[in-house]
N, C-alpha and C. Protein backbone atom coordinates (compact mmCIF):
# COMPACT_ATOMS: atom_id res chain seq x y z
N MET A 1 5.48 23.49 -2.11
CA MET A 1 6.14 22.31 -2.63
C MET A 1 7.38 22.75 -3.41
N GLN A 2 8.44 21.96 -3.32
CA GLN A 2 9.67 22.30 -4.01
C GLN A 2 9.73 21.62 -5.38
N TYR A 3 10.24 22.38 -6.36
CA TYR A 3 10.39 21.88 -7.72
C TYR A 3 11.83 22.10 -8.15
N CYS A 4 12.42 21.08 -8.76
CA CYS A 4 13.75 21.19 -9.35
C CYS A 4 13.56 21.68 -10.78
N THR A 5 14.19 22.79 -11.12
CA THR A 5 14.03 23.34 -12.47
C THR A 5 15.25 22.99 -13.33
N PHE A 6 15.01 22.95 -14.63
CA PHE A 6 16.07 22.69 -15.59
C PHE A 6 15.70 23.36 -16.90
N PHE A 7 16.67 23.42 -17.79
CA PHE A 7 16.47 24.13 -19.06
C PHE A 7 16.69 23.21 -20.24
N LEU A 8 15.86 23.42 -21.25
CA LEU A 8 16.00 22.82 -22.57
C LEU A 8 15.78 23.95 -23.56
N ASP A 9 16.77 24.23 -24.38
CA ASP A 9 16.66 25.29 -25.38
C ASP A 9 16.18 26.60 -24.77
N GLN A 10 16.71 26.95 -23.61
CA GLN A 10 16.44 28.19 -22.88
C GLN A 10 15.04 28.27 -22.27
N GLN A 11 14.23 27.23 -22.38
CA GLN A 11 12.92 27.18 -21.74
C GLN A 11 13.08 26.49 -20.39
N ARG A 12 12.44 27.04 -19.36
CA ARG A 12 12.53 26.46 -18.02
C ARG A 12 11.41 25.47 -17.78
N TYR A 13 11.81 24.29 -17.33
CA TYR A 13 10.89 23.21 -16.98
C TYR A 13 11.12 22.88 -15.51
N ALA A 14 10.21 22.10 -14.95
CA ALA A 14 10.36 21.69 -13.55
C ALA A 14 9.76 20.31 -13.35
N VAL A 15 10.21 19.69 -12.28
CA VAL A 15 9.67 18.40 -11.84
C VAL A 15 9.67 18.47 -10.30
N PRO A 16 8.66 17.87 -9.65
CA PRO A 16 8.66 17.90 -8.18
C PRO A 16 9.96 17.35 -7.61
N MET A 17 10.50 18.04 -6.64
CA MET A 17 11.79 17.69 -6.06
C MET A 17 11.82 16.26 -5.52
N GLN A 18 10.71 15.78 -4.97
CA GLN A 18 10.71 14.43 -4.39
C GLN A 18 10.89 13.34 -5.44
N GLU A 19 10.75 13.69 -6.73
CA GLU A 19 10.96 12.71 -7.80
C GLU A 19 12.41 12.67 -8.29
N VAL A 20 13.25 13.59 -7.80
CA VAL A 20 14.63 13.69 -8.26
C VAL A 20 15.56 13.07 -7.23
N GLN A 21 16.37 12.11 -7.67
CA GLN A 21 17.35 11.50 -6.77
C GLN A 21 18.62 12.32 -6.73
N GLU A 22 19.13 12.68 -7.91
CA GLU A 22 20.39 13.41 -7.98
C GLU A 22 20.58 13.98 -9.37
N VAL A 23 21.63 14.78 -9.50
CA VAL A 23 22.02 15.37 -10.77
C VAL A 23 23.49 15.01 -10.98
N VAL A 24 23.81 14.50 -12.17
CA VAL A 24 25.19 14.14 -12.49
C VAL A 24 25.55 14.70 -13.86
N LEU A 25 26.84 14.88 -14.09
CA LEU A 25 27.28 15.31 -15.41
C LEU A 25 26.90 14.26 -16.44
N GLU A 26 26.80 14.67 -17.70
CA GLU A 26 26.47 13.73 -18.76
C GLU A 26 27.44 12.56 -18.70
N THR A 27 26.89 11.37 -18.72
CA THR A 27 27.67 10.14 -18.58
C THR A 27 27.61 9.36 -19.88
N ALA A 28 28.70 8.68 -20.21
CA ALA A 28 28.71 7.85 -21.42
C ALA A 28 27.59 6.82 -21.34
N SER A 29 26.96 6.58 -22.48
CA SER A 29 25.88 5.60 -22.51
C SER A 29 26.08 4.64 -23.67
N THR A 30 25.47 3.50 -23.56
CA THR A 30 25.52 2.47 -24.59
C THR A 30 24.17 2.46 -25.30
N SER A 31 24.19 2.61 -26.60
CA SER A 31 22.93 2.68 -27.34
C SER A 31 22.20 1.34 -27.28
N ILE A 32 20.89 1.43 -27.47
CA ILE A 32 20.01 0.27 -27.36
C ILE A 32 19.42 0.00 -28.75
N PRO A 33 19.64 -1.19 -29.31
CA PRO A 33 19.09 -1.47 -30.63
C PRO A 33 17.57 -1.34 -30.66
N LEU A 34 17.06 -0.75 -31.72
CA LEU A 34 15.63 -0.60 -31.98
C LEU A 34 14.88 0.26 -30.96
N ALA A 35 15.60 0.98 -30.13
CA ALA A 35 14.96 1.86 -29.15
C ALA A 35 14.50 3.13 -29.84
N PRO A 36 13.51 3.83 -29.28
CA PRO A 36 13.10 5.12 -29.85
C PRO A 36 14.30 6.06 -29.90
N ASP A 37 14.28 7.00 -30.83
CA ASP A 37 15.44 7.88 -31.01
C ASP A 37 15.75 8.73 -29.79
N PHE A 38 14.78 8.96 -28.92
CA PHE A 38 15.05 9.78 -27.74
C PHE A 38 15.62 8.96 -26.58
N ALA A 39 15.73 7.64 -26.74
CA ALA A 39 16.40 6.82 -25.73
C ALA A 39 17.90 6.95 -25.98
N GLN A 40 18.56 7.76 -25.18
CA GLN A 40 19.99 8.02 -25.33
C GLN A 40 20.78 6.73 -25.20
N GLY A 41 20.36 5.85 -24.30
CA GLY A 41 21.04 4.58 -24.09
C GLY A 41 21.00 4.19 -22.63
N LEU A 42 21.82 3.21 -22.30
CA LEU A 42 21.94 2.74 -20.92
C LEU A 42 23.25 3.27 -20.35
N MET A 43 23.20 3.67 -19.09
CA MET A 43 24.42 4.17 -18.44
C MET A 43 24.60 3.45 -17.11
N ASN A 44 25.85 3.38 -16.68
CA ASN A 44 26.20 2.76 -15.42
C ASN A 44 26.32 3.86 -14.37
N LEU A 45 25.41 3.86 -13.43
CA LEU A 45 25.42 4.86 -12.36
C LEU A 45 25.81 4.16 -11.06
N ARG A 46 27.10 4.17 -10.77
CA ARG A 46 27.64 3.53 -9.58
C ARG A 46 27.15 2.08 -9.42
N GLY A 47 27.20 1.32 -10.50
CA GLY A 47 26.85 -0.10 -10.46
C GLY A 47 25.39 -0.40 -10.80
N SER A 48 24.55 0.62 -10.93
CA SER A 48 23.16 0.42 -11.33
C SER A 48 23.01 0.83 -12.80
N ILE A 49 22.35 0.00 -13.57
CA ILE A 49 22.11 0.31 -14.98
C ILE A 49 20.85 1.15 -15.07
N VAL A 50 20.97 2.33 -15.68
CA VAL A 50 19.89 3.30 -15.75
C VAL A 50 19.65 3.70 -17.20
N LEU A 51 18.40 3.77 -17.60
CA LEU A 51 18.02 4.25 -18.93
C LEU A 51 18.17 5.76 -18.96
N SER A 52 18.74 6.28 -20.05
CA SER A 52 18.89 7.72 -20.22
C SER A 52 18.04 8.17 -21.40
N LEU A 53 17.20 9.16 -21.15
CA LEU A 53 16.35 9.73 -22.20
C LEU A 53 16.84 11.13 -22.53
N ASP A 54 17.04 11.43 -23.80
CA ASP A 54 17.44 12.76 -24.24
C ASP A 54 16.16 13.58 -24.41
N LEU A 55 15.90 14.48 -23.47
CA LEU A 55 14.65 15.25 -23.51
C LEU A 55 14.61 16.22 -24.68
N ARG A 56 15.76 16.67 -25.19
CA ARG A 56 15.74 17.53 -26.39
C ARG A 56 15.13 16.74 -27.55
N ARG A 57 15.58 15.51 -27.73
CA ARG A 57 15.03 14.68 -28.81
C ARG A 57 13.56 14.35 -28.54
N ARG A 58 13.26 14.05 -27.28
CA ARG A 58 11.88 13.68 -26.92
C ARG A 58 10.92 14.81 -27.25
N PHE A 59 11.37 16.06 -27.08
CA PHE A 59 10.52 17.22 -27.32
C PHE A 59 10.65 17.77 -28.73
N GLY A 60 11.42 17.10 -29.58
CA GLY A 60 11.55 17.54 -30.97
C GLY A 60 12.40 18.79 -31.14
N LEU A 61 13.30 19.05 -30.22
CA LEU A 61 14.17 20.22 -30.30
C LEU A 61 15.43 19.89 -31.10
N ALA A 62 16.09 20.91 -31.58
CA ALA A 62 17.36 20.72 -32.29
C ALA A 62 18.39 20.14 -31.32
N PRO A 63 19.35 19.35 -31.83
CA PRO A 63 20.39 18.82 -30.94
C PRO A 63 21.21 19.94 -30.31
N ARG A 64 21.80 19.64 -29.16
CA ARG A 64 22.70 20.61 -28.52
C ARG A 64 23.88 20.88 -29.44
N ALA A 65 24.47 22.03 -29.32
CA ALA A 65 25.64 22.40 -30.12
C ALA A 65 26.78 21.42 -29.85
N ALA A 66 27.56 21.13 -30.88
CA ALA A 66 28.71 20.23 -30.73
C ALA A 66 29.62 20.73 -29.63
N GLY A 67 30.07 19.82 -28.81
CA GLY A 67 30.96 20.18 -27.70
C GLY A 67 30.24 20.67 -26.46
N SER A 68 28.94 20.85 -26.54
CA SER A 68 28.15 21.32 -25.40
C SER A 68 27.65 20.10 -24.62
N GLU A 69 28.07 20.00 -23.36
CA GLU A 69 27.66 18.86 -22.55
C GLU A 69 26.35 19.15 -21.83
N GLY A 70 25.59 18.11 -21.64
CA GLY A 70 24.35 18.22 -20.89
C GLY A 70 24.53 17.72 -19.46
N VAL A 71 23.44 17.61 -18.77
CA VAL A 71 23.42 17.15 -17.38
C VAL A 71 22.34 16.09 -17.28
N GLN A 72 22.61 15.05 -16.52
CA GLN A 72 21.62 14.00 -16.28
C GLN A 72 20.90 14.26 -14.96
N MET A 73 19.58 14.35 -15.04
CA MET A 73 18.76 14.37 -13.82
C MET A 73 18.28 12.94 -13.63
N ILE A 74 18.56 12.38 -12.49
CA ILE A 74 18.11 11.01 -12.21
C ILE A 74 16.76 11.13 -11.50
N VAL A 75 15.72 10.66 -12.19
CA VAL A 75 14.34 10.89 -11.77
C VAL A 75 13.65 9.55 -11.50
N GLN A 76 12.82 9.51 -10.47
CA GLN A 76 12.06 8.31 -10.12
C GLN A 76 10.96 8.06 -11.13
N SER A 77 10.84 6.81 -11.55
CA SER A 77 9.74 6.39 -12.42
C SER A 77 9.04 5.21 -11.76
N PRO A 78 7.87 4.83 -12.28
CA PRO A 78 7.18 3.68 -11.68
C PRO A 78 8.01 2.40 -11.72
N SER A 79 8.94 2.29 -12.69
CA SER A 79 9.73 1.06 -12.80
C SER A 79 11.18 1.23 -12.37
N GLY A 80 11.52 2.34 -11.74
CA GLY A 80 12.89 2.55 -11.27
C GLY A 80 13.40 3.92 -11.67
N TRP A 81 14.71 4.11 -11.50
CA TRP A 81 15.32 5.40 -11.81
C TRP A 81 15.62 5.50 -13.30
N VAL A 82 15.49 6.71 -13.83
CA VAL A 82 15.79 6.98 -15.24
C VAL A 82 16.52 8.32 -15.31
N GLY A 83 17.43 8.44 -16.27
CA GLY A 83 18.14 9.69 -16.46
C GLY A 83 17.47 10.54 -17.51
N TRP A 84 17.30 11.81 -17.22
CA TRP A 84 16.81 12.77 -18.21
C TRP A 84 17.99 13.65 -18.59
N LEU A 85 18.41 13.57 -19.84
CA LEU A 85 19.50 14.41 -20.31
C LEU A 85 18.92 15.78 -20.65
N VAL A 86 19.37 16.81 -19.93
CA VAL A 86 18.87 18.17 -20.10
C VAL A 86 20.06 19.09 -20.36
N ASP A 87 19.77 20.33 -20.77
CA ASP A 87 20.84 21.28 -21.07
C ASP A 87 21.56 21.76 -19.82
N GLU A 88 20.79 22.19 -18.83
CA GLU A 88 21.38 22.66 -17.57
C GLU A 88 20.35 22.62 -16.46
N ILE A 89 20.84 22.61 -15.24
CA ILE A 89 19.98 22.60 -14.06
C ILE A 89 19.77 24.04 -13.61
N GLY A 90 18.55 24.32 -13.17
CA GLY A 90 18.22 25.65 -12.65
C GLY A 90 18.18 25.62 -11.13
N ASP A 91 17.30 26.42 -10.58
CA ASP A 91 17.15 26.54 -9.14
C ASP A 91 16.09 25.57 -8.62
N VAL A 92 16.06 25.43 -7.33
CA VAL A 92 14.94 24.76 -6.67
C VAL A 92 13.96 25.87 -6.30
N LEU A 93 12.73 25.75 -6.80
CA LEU A 93 11.71 26.76 -6.54
C LEU A 93 10.67 26.23 -5.56
N GLU A 94 10.24 27.09 -4.66
CA GLU A 94 9.13 26.78 -3.75
C GLU A 94 7.88 27.38 -4.39
N LEU A 95 6.99 26.50 -4.87
CA LEU A 95 5.77 26.96 -5.55
C LEU A 95 4.55 26.29 -4.93
N ASP A 96 3.47 27.02 -4.85
CA ASP A 96 2.22 26.50 -4.31
C ASP A 96 1.49 25.74 -5.42
N PRO A 97 1.32 24.41 -5.29
CA PRO A 97 0.65 23.63 -6.34
C PRO A 97 -0.75 24.16 -6.68
N ALA A 98 -1.40 24.84 -5.73
CA ALA A 98 -2.74 25.39 -5.98
C ALA A 98 -2.69 26.51 -7.02
N LEU A 99 -1.51 27.10 -7.24
CA LEU A 99 -1.38 28.19 -8.21
C LEU A 99 -1.03 27.70 -9.62
N ALA A 100 -0.76 26.40 -9.74
CA ALA A 100 -0.46 25.84 -11.06
C ALA A 100 -1.71 25.88 -11.93
N GLN A 101 -1.53 26.22 -13.18
CA GLN A 101 -2.64 26.22 -14.12
C GLN A 101 -2.50 25.01 -15.04
N PRO A 102 -3.61 24.43 -15.45
CA PRO A 102 -3.52 23.28 -16.36
C PRO A 102 -3.04 23.75 -17.74
N PRO A 103 -2.48 22.83 -18.53
CA PRO A 103 -2.14 23.21 -19.90
C PRO A 103 -3.41 23.66 -20.62
N PRO A 104 -3.32 24.66 -21.49
CA PRO A 104 -4.54 25.14 -22.16
C PRO A 104 -5.17 24.06 -23.03
N GLY A 105 -6.47 24.10 -23.12
CA GLY A 105 -7.21 23.13 -23.93
C GLY A 105 -6.86 23.19 -25.40
N THR A 106 -6.32 24.30 -25.86
CA THR A 106 -5.94 24.43 -27.26
C THR A 106 -4.63 23.73 -27.59
N LEU A 107 -3.88 23.33 -26.56
CA LEU A 107 -2.63 22.61 -26.77
C LEU A 107 -2.96 21.17 -27.12
N ARG A 108 -2.38 20.69 -28.18
CA ARG A 108 -2.65 19.33 -28.66
C ARG A 108 -1.65 18.33 -28.10
N SER A 109 -2.02 17.06 -28.18
CA SER A 109 -1.10 15.97 -27.80
C SER A 109 0.00 15.90 -28.83
N PRO A 110 1.18 15.39 -28.52
CA PRO A 110 1.55 14.82 -27.23
C PRO A 110 2.02 15.86 -26.22
N GLY A 111 2.24 17.12 -26.66
CA GLY A 111 2.72 18.14 -25.74
C GLY A 111 1.87 18.29 -24.50
N LYS A 112 0.58 18.27 -24.68
CA LYS A 112 -0.34 18.44 -23.55
C LYS A 112 -0.20 17.30 -22.54
N GLU A 113 0.02 16.10 -23.03
CA GLU A 113 0.14 14.93 -22.16
C GLU A 113 1.41 14.95 -21.32
N LEU A 114 2.42 15.66 -21.80
CA LEU A 114 3.70 15.69 -21.09
C LEU A 114 3.73 16.74 -19.98
N LEU A 115 2.74 17.63 -19.95
CA LEU A 115 2.70 18.68 -18.94
C LEU A 115 1.67 18.36 -17.86
N SER A 116 2.07 18.58 -16.60
CA SER A 116 1.08 18.42 -15.53
C SER A 116 0.58 19.77 -15.04
N GLY A 117 1.29 20.85 -15.41
CA GLY A 117 0.84 22.17 -15.01
C GLY A 117 1.80 23.24 -15.47
N VAL A 118 1.34 24.49 -15.36
CA VAL A 118 2.15 25.65 -15.75
C VAL A 118 2.06 26.67 -14.63
N PHE A 119 3.22 27.14 -14.19
CA PHE A 119 3.28 28.19 -13.18
C PHE A 119 3.68 29.50 -13.82
N PRO A 120 2.85 30.54 -13.70
CA PRO A 120 3.32 31.86 -14.10
C PRO A 120 4.22 32.39 -12.97
N VAL A 121 5.43 32.79 -13.32
CA VAL A 121 6.36 33.37 -12.35
C VAL A 121 6.84 34.69 -12.92
N GLU A 122 7.54 35.45 -12.10
CA GLU A 122 7.98 36.79 -12.50
C GLU A 122 8.78 36.79 -13.80
N SER A 123 9.62 35.77 -13.98
CA SER A 123 10.50 35.73 -15.16
C SER A 123 9.89 35.02 -16.36
N GLY A 124 8.63 34.62 -16.29
CA GLY A 124 7.98 33.93 -17.41
C GLY A 124 7.13 32.77 -16.93
N LEU A 125 7.21 31.67 -17.63
CA LEU A 125 6.43 30.49 -17.27
C LEU A 125 7.37 29.34 -16.90
N VAL A 126 6.94 28.51 -15.96
CA VAL A 126 7.63 27.28 -15.63
C VAL A 126 6.69 26.15 -15.99
N LEU A 127 7.14 25.28 -16.90
CA LEU A 127 6.34 24.15 -17.34
C LEU A 127 6.69 22.94 -16.50
N VAL A 128 5.72 22.40 -15.77
CA VAL A 128 5.95 21.24 -14.91
C VAL A 128 5.65 19.99 -15.72
N LEU A 129 6.66 19.12 -15.81
CA LEU A 129 6.51 17.90 -16.59
C LEU A 129 5.85 16.79 -15.80
N ASN A 130 5.09 16.00 -16.52
CA ASN A 130 4.50 14.79 -15.96
C ASN A 130 5.48 13.66 -16.26
N GLY A 131 6.40 13.42 -15.32
CA GLY A 131 7.44 12.43 -15.52
C GLY A 131 6.92 11.04 -15.81
N LYS A 132 5.82 10.67 -15.20
CA LYS A 132 5.24 9.35 -15.45
C LYS A 132 4.79 9.23 -16.90
N ARG A 133 4.25 10.30 -17.46
CA ARG A 133 3.77 10.26 -18.84
C ARG A 133 4.94 10.13 -19.83
N ILE A 134 6.03 10.80 -19.54
CA ILE A 134 7.21 10.67 -20.41
C ILE A 134 7.62 9.21 -20.47
N LEU A 135 7.58 8.54 -19.33
CA LEU A 135 7.97 7.14 -19.27
C LEU A 135 6.90 6.22 -19.83
N GLU A 136 5.64 6.57 -19.68
CA GLU A 136 4.58 5.75 -20.28
C GLU A 136 4.74 5.70 -21.79
N VAL A 137 5.07 6.82 -22.37
CA VAL A 137 5.29 6.86 -23.82
C VAL A 137 6.45 5.93 -24.17
N GLU A 138 7.50 5.94 -23.35
CA GLU A 138 8.64 5.05 -23.57
C GLU A 138 8.19 3.60 -23.46
N GLN A 139 7.39 3.28 -22.44
CA GLN A 139 6.94 1.92 -22.26
C GLN A 139 6.04 1.49 -23.41
N GLN A 140 5.23 2.41 -23.95
CA GLN A 140 4.41 2.08 -25.11
C GLN A 140 5.29 1.72 -26.29
N GLY A 141 6.42 2.40 -26.43
CA GLY A 141 7.37 2.08 -27.49
C GLY A 141 7.93 0.69 -27.31
N GLU A 142 8.23 0.30 -26.07
CA GLU A 142 8.73 -1.04 -25.79
C GLU A 142 7.67 -2.09 -26.13
N GLU A 143 6.39 -1.80 -25.80
CA GLU A 143 5.33 -2.73 -26.11
C GLU A 143 5.18 -2.90 -27.62
N SER A 144 5.32 -1.81 -28.38
CA SER A 144 5.25 -1.89 -29.83
C SER A 144 6.39 -2.75 -30.36
N LEU A 145 7.58 -2.60 -29.78
CA LEU A 145 8.73 -3.40 -30.20
C LEU A 145 8.47 -4.87 -29.92
N ARG A 146 7.90 -5.19 -28.75
CA ARG A 146 7.58 -6.58 -28.44
C ARG A 146 6.59 -7.14 -29.45
N GLU A 147 5.58 -6.33 -29.81
CA GLU A 147 4.60 -6.77 -30.81
C GLU A 147 5.27 -7.07 -32.14
N LYS A 148 6.16 -6.18 -32.59
CA LYS A 148 6.88 -6.40 -33.85
C LYS A 148 7.71 -7.66 -33.79
N ASN A 149 8.39 -7.91 -32.65
CA ASN A 149 9.19 -9.11 -32.48
C ASN A 149 8.34 -10.36 -32.55
N ARG A 150 7.14 -10.31 -31.92
CA ARG A 150 6.23 -11.45 -31.98
C ARG A 150 5.80 -11.72 -33.42
N GLU A 151 5.48 -10.65 -34.14
CA GLU A 151 5.09 -10.79 -35.54
C GLU A 151 6.18 -11.43 -36.37
N LEU A 152 7.43 -11.11 -36.03
CA LEU A 152 8.57 -11.65 -36.79
C LEU A 152 9.03 -13.00 -36.23
N GLY A 153 8.34 -13.48 -35.20
CA GLY A 153 8.68 -14.78 -34.61
C GLY A 153 9.93 -14.76 -33.76
N ARG A 154 10.31 -13.61 -33.25
CA ARG A 154 11.52 -13.49 -32.43
C ARG A 154 11.23 -13.64 -30.95
N GLU A 155 9.98 -13.73 -30.56
CA GLU A 155 9.63 -13.87 -29.14
C GLU A 155 8.82 -15.11 -28.93
């Protein structure tokens, strides 16, 4: 199976290639009021409005250095395409899913929930992200916002 790899803070991550539509340079985005801090904003991708998530923020990493541009990976989600803002794109790796190891039981949430597997490779480890889980967390945030709005009588 092919995996598209990318880097965040020099750590290599991957997502199954069939979930990736394309890779584009960091695109201007419009911030979303009351959105979680890792929601970079909305961007216009050739006429389609796409949510952009800053994976550095999502993973609790330090912000990229000033003047350093990221790359948007456009990834399939259950509700449509979403952009993942990452530091840089790596290679496409051919890896046997049977060789993936589960995240260790000693790893706590939410980190454990975001990983679907770990591949030991010659150069270290490749952490395979569970893209659906990243978005589920985002959707839970939206549901919490709807609840708050209902409580305030805004819905």
